[in-house]
Amino acid sequence: MYRCLTPPTEAATMALGRVRDVYGVRRVEFSEADKTVRVEYDATRLTEAIIHQLLRRSGLDVVERVSLIPPQPAPEPVAASTAG
């Protein structure tokens, strides 16, 4: 998932449609409310760098990659046992 600075123009929207035609891209979803684009792809055929490049070439103003894995809580410290 990638965050975009601005919503896609009509030309960028048409170009995103062509990204779907790339062998290995399974799905492209754009959320106008969140200003994000999510690309589902076959990682055995494409890499994250290639997907990022395809999005930039389509005209999207990609700002950052958004992790789909929520932040994990820090492990609690293990209390030292008091042997007496």
N, C-alpha and C. Protein backbone atom coordinates (compact mmCIF):
# COMPACT_ATOMS: atom_id res chain seq x y z
N MET A 1 0.85 -1.16 0.00
CA MET A 1 0.00 0.00 0.00
C MET A 1 0.90 1.23 0.00
N TYR A 2 0.47 2.24 -0.74
CA TYR A 2 1.23 3.47 -0.87
C TYR A 2 0.31 4.66 -0.60
N ARG A 3 0.86 5.68 0.04
CA ARG A 3 0.11 6.91 0.28
C ARG A 3 0.46 7.89 -0.82
N CYS A 4 -0.58 8.57 -1.33
CA CYS A 4 -0.41 9.55 -2.39
C CYS A 4 -0.66 10.95 -1.84
N LEU A 5 0.02 11.91 -2.39
CA LEU A 5 -0.12 13.28 -1.94
C LEU A 5 -1.45 13.88 -2.41
N THR A 6 -1.80 13.59 -3.65
CA THR A 6 -3.04 14.12 -4.22
C THR A 6 -3.80 12.99 -4.91
N PRO A 7 -5.11 13.16 -5.07
CA PRO A 7 -5.87 12.15 -5.82
C PRO A 7 -5.36 12.08 -7.26
N PRO A 8 -5.52 10.92 -7.91
CA PRO A 8 -5.01 10.79 -9.28
C PRO A 8 -5.82 11.64 -10.26
N THR A 9 -5.14 12.15 -11.26
CA THR A 9 -5.81 12.85 -12.34
C THR A 9 -6.52 11.81 -13.21
N GLU A 10 -7.28 12.29 -14.17
CA GLU A 10 -7.96 11.37 -15.08
C GLU A 10 -6.95 10.53 -15.85
N ALA A 11 -5.87 11.17 -16.28
CA ALA A 11 -4.82 10.44 -17.01
C ALA A 11 -4.16 9.39 -16.13
N ALA A 12 -3.91 9.73 -14.86
CA ALA A 12 -3.31 8.77 -13.93
C ALA A 12 -4.26 7.61 -13.66
N THR A 13 -5.55 7.90 -13.58
CA THR A 13 -6.53 6.84 -13.38
C THR A 13 -6.53 5.87 -14.56
N MET A 14 -6.43 6.41 -15.76
CA MET A 14 -6.38 5.55 -16.95
C MET A 14 -5.09 4.71 -16.93
N ALA A 15 -3.98 5.33 -16.52
CA ALA A 15 -2.71 4.62 -16.45
C ALA A 15 -2.75 3.53 -15.39
N LEU A 16 -3.45 3.78 -14.27
CA LEU A 16 -3.60 2.75 -13.23
C LEU A 16 -4.34 1.54 -13.78
N GLY A 17 -5.30 1.81 -14.66
CA GLY A 17 -6.02 0.71 -15.31
C GLY A 17 -5.07 -0.16 -16.13
N ARG A 18 -4.08 0.46 -16.74
CA ARG A 18 -3.10 -0.30 -17.51
C ARG A 18 -2.13 -1.07 -16.61
N VAL A 19 -1.90 -0.57 -15.39
CA VAL A 19 -1.05 -1.30 -14.44
C VAL A 19 -1.68 -2.66 -14.14
N ARG A 20 -3.00 -2.70 -14.11
CA ARG A 20 -3.69 -3.99 -13.87
C ARG A 20 -3.38 -5.02 -14.94
N ASP A 21 -3.01 -4.54 -16.13
CA ASP A 21 -2.72 -5.45 -17.24
C ASP A 21 -1.31 -6.05 -17.17
N VAL A 22 -0.48 -5.55 -16.26
CA VAL A 22 0.89 -6.07 -16.12
C VAL A 22 0.82 -7.48 -15.56
N TYR A 23 1.54 -8.39 -16.21
CA TYR A 23 1.53 -9.78 -15.77
C TYR A 23 2.07 -9.88 -14.36
N GLY A 24 1.27 -10.42 -13.46
CA GLY A 24 1.65 -10.56 -12.06
C GLY A 24 0.88 -9.64 -11.13
N VAL A 25 0.30 -8.56 -11.66
CA VAL A 25 -0.53 -7.67 -10.84
C VAL A 25 -1.92 -8.29 -10.77
N ARG A 26 -2.38 -8.52 -9.56
CA ARG A 26 -3.69 -9.16 -9.37
C ARG A 26 -4.80 -8.14 -9.17
N ARG A 27 -4.50 -7.09 -8.41
CA ARG A 27 -5.55 -6.13 -8.08
C ARG A 27 -4.93 -4.77 -7.75
N VAL A 28 -5.63 -3.70 -8.13
CA VAL A 28 -5.23 -2.33 -7.78
C VAL A 28 -6.46 -1.65 -7.22
N GLU A 29 -6.37 -1.15 -6.00
CA GLU A 29 -7.49 -0.45 -5.36
C GLU A 29 -7.02 0.93 -4.90
N PHE A 30 -7.80 1.96 -5.22
CA PHE A 30 -7.47 3.30 -4.78
C PHE A 30 -8.53 3.77 -3.80
N SER A 31 -8.11 4.30 -2.66
CA SER A 31 -9.02 4.87 -1.68
C SER A 31 -8.85 6.38 -1.70
N GLU A 32 -9.83 7.07 -2.24
CA GLU A 32 -9.75 8.52 -2.33
C GLU A 32 -9.79 9.15 -0.95
N ALA A 33 -10.56 8.58 -0.03
CA ALA A 33 -10.67 9.13 1.32
C ALA A 33 -9.34 9.06 2.06
N ASP A 34 -8.64 7.92 1.93
CA ASP A 34 -7.36 7.73 2.63
C ASP A 34 -6.16 8.19 1.81
N LYS A 35 -6.41 8.50 0.54
CA LYS A 35 -5.34 8.84 -0.41
C LYS A 35 -4.29 7.74 -0.47
N THR A 36 -4.77 6.50 -0.60
CA THR A 36 -3.86 5.37 -0.70
C THR A 36 -4.20 4.53 -1.92
N VAL A 37 -3.21 3.84 -2.42
CA VAL A 37 -3.41 2.86 -3.48
C VAL A 37 -2.81 1.55 -2.98
N ARG A 38 -3.58 0.49 -3.13
CA ARG A 38 -3.15 -0.82 -2.68
C ARG A 38 -3.01 -1.73 -3.89
N VAL A 39 -1.87 -2.36 -4.01
CA VAL A 39 -1.60 -3.23 -5.15
C VAL A 39 -1.33 -4.63 -4.64
N GLU A 40 -2.11 -5.57 -5.13
CA GLU A 40 -1.88 -6.98 -4.81
C GLU A 40 -1.17 -7.58 -6.02
N TYR A 41 -0.02 -8.21 -5.77
CA TYR A 41 0.76 -8.75 -6.89
C TYR A 41 1.43 -10.05 -6.50
N ASP A 42 1.86 -10.77 -7.52
CA ASP A 42 2.56 -12.04 -7.35
C ASP A 42 4.04 -11.74 -7.12
N ALA A 43 4.49 -11.96 -5.90
CA ALA A 43 5.87 -11.62 -5.52
C ALA A 43 6.90 -12.53 -6.18
N THR A 44 6.47 -13.62 -6.81
CA THR A 44 7.43 -14.46 -7.53
C THR A 44 7.71 -13.87 -8.91
N ARG A 45 6.89 -12.93 -9.35
CA ARG A 45 7.05 -12.33 -10.68
C ARG A 45 7.47 -10.87 -10.63
N LEU A 46 7.07 -10.17 -9.57
CA LEU A 46 7.34 -8.74 -9.45
C LEU A 46 7.93 -8.43 -8.07
N THR A 47 8.60 -7.30 -7.97
CA THR A 47 9.14 -6.87 -6.68
C THR A 47 8.44 -5.58 -6.27
N GLU A 48 8.63 -5.21 -5.00
CA GLU A 48 8.05 -3.97 -4.50
C GLU A 48 8.59 -2.77 -5.26
N ALA A 49 9.86 -2.82 -5.64
CA ALA A 49 10.48 -1.72 -6.39
C ALA A 49 9.83 -1.56 -7.77
N ILE A 50 9.51 -2.65 -8.42
CA ILE A 50 8.85 -2.58 -9.73
C ILE A 50 7.45 -2.00 -9.59
N ILE A 51 6.72 -2.42 -8.56
CA ILE A 51 5.37 -1.89 -8.33
C ILE A 51 5.43 -0.38 -8.07
N HIS A 52 6.38 0.04 -7.24
CA HIS A 52 6.55 1.46 -6.95
C HIS A 52 6.84 2.23 -8.25
N GLN A 53 7.69 1.69 -9.08
CA GLN A 53 8.03 2.33 -10.35
C GLN A 53 6.81 2.41 -11.27
N LEU A 54 6.01 1.35 -11.33
CA LEU A 54 4.80 1.36 -12.16
C LEU A 54 3.83 2.45 -11.70
N LEU A 55 3.68 2.60 -10.38
CA LEU A 55 2.78 3.62 -9.85
C LEU A 55 3.29 5.02 -10.17
N ARG A 56 4.58 5.24 -10.01
CA ARG A 56 5.16 6.56 -10.32
C ARG A 56 5.01 6.88 -11.80
N ARG A 57 5.25 5.89 -12.66
CA ARG A 57 5.13 6.11 -14.11
C ARG A 57 3.69 6.36 -14.53
N SER A 58 2.73 5.87 -13.76
CA SER A 58 1.32 6.10 -14.10
C SER A 58 0.90 7.53 -13.81
N GLY A 59 1.74 8.26 -13.06
CA GLY A 59 1.42 9.65 -12.76
C GLY A 59 0.97 9.90 -11.34
N LEU A 60 0.96 8.86 -10.52
CA LEU A 60 0.59 9.05 -9.12
C LEU A 60 1.72 9.73 -8.37
N ASP A 61 1.35 10.62 -7.47
CA ASP A 61 2.32 11.31 -6.64
C ASP A 61 2.52 10.50 -5.36
N VAL A 62 3.28 9.40 -5.46
CA VAL A 62 3.49 8.49 -4.34
C VAL A 62 4.42 9.13 -3.32
N VAL A 63 3.96 9.21 -2.08
CA VAL A 63 4.73 9.86 -1.01
C VAL A 63 5.49 8.84 -0.18
N GLU A 64 4.79 7.75 0.21
CA GLU A 64 5.43 6.76 1.08
C GLU A 64 4.75 5.41 0.93
N ARG A 65 5.47 4.39 1.35
CA ARG A 65 4.93 3.03 1.43
C ARG A 65 4.31 2.88 2.81
N VAL A 66 3.11 2.31 2.85
CA VAL A 66 2.40 2.11 4.11
C VAL A 66 2.42 0.63 4.45
N SER A 67 2.87 0.30 5.64
CA SER A 67 2.92 -1.09 6.07
C SER A 67 1.52 -1.59 6.39
N LEU A 68 1.21 -2.79 5.93
CA LEU A 68 -0.08 -3.40 6.22
C LEU A 68 -0.06 -4.15 7.54
N ILE A 69 1.12 -4.33 8.11
CA ILE A 69 1.26 -5.03 9.38
C ILE A 69 1.22 -3.98 10.50
N PRO A 70 0.27 -4.08 11.41
CA PRO A 70 0.20 -3.08 12.48
C PRO A 70 1.42 -3.16 13.38
N PRO A 71 1.79 -2.04 14.00
CA PRO A 71 2.95 -2.07 14.91
C PRO A 71 2.71 -3.04 16.06
N GLN A 72 3.73 -3.78 16.39
CA GLN A 72 3.62 -4.77 17.46
C GLN A 72 4.03 -4.13 18.78
N PRO A 73 3.34 -4.50 19.87
CA PRO A 73 3.73 -3.94 21.17
C PRO A 73 5.10 -4.43 21.59
N ALA A 74 5.79 -3.59 22.34
CA ALA A 74 7.11 -3.97 22.83
C ALA A 74 6.96 -5.10 23.85
N PRO A 75 7.88 -6.05 23.84
CA PRO A 75 7.78 -7.15 24.81
C PRO A 75 7.97 -6.62 26.22
N GLU A 76 7.24 -7.23 27.12
CA GLU A 76 7.37 -6.83 28.52
C GLU A 76 8.70 -7.33 29.08
N PRO A 77 9.36 -6.52 29.90
CA PRO A 77 10.63 -6.96 30.46
C PRO A 77 10.43 -8.17 31.37
N VAL A 78 11.38 -9.05 31.30
CA VAL A 78 11.32 -10.25 32.14
C VAL A 78 11.87 -9.88 33.51
N ALA A 79 11.07 -10.14 34.54
CA ALA A 79 11.49 -9.84 35.91
C ALA A 79 12.56 -10.83 36.34
N ALA A 80 13.58 -10.31 36.99
CA ALA A 80 14.66 -11.18 37.49
C ALA A 80 14.11 -11.98 38.66
N SER A 81 14.38 -13.27 38.63
CA SER A 81 13.89 -14.10 39.74
C SER A 81 14.76 -13.88 40.97
N THR A 82 14.13 -13.84 42.09
CA THR A 82 14.86 -13.63 43.36
C THR A 82 14.97 -14.98 44.06
N ALA A 83 16.10 -15.58 43.91
CA ALA A 83 16.34 -16.87 44.58
C ALA A 83 16.86 -16.59 45.98
N GLY A 84 16.26 -17.22 46.93
CA GLY A 84 16.65 -16.89 48.28
C GLY A 84 17.08 -17.98 49.09
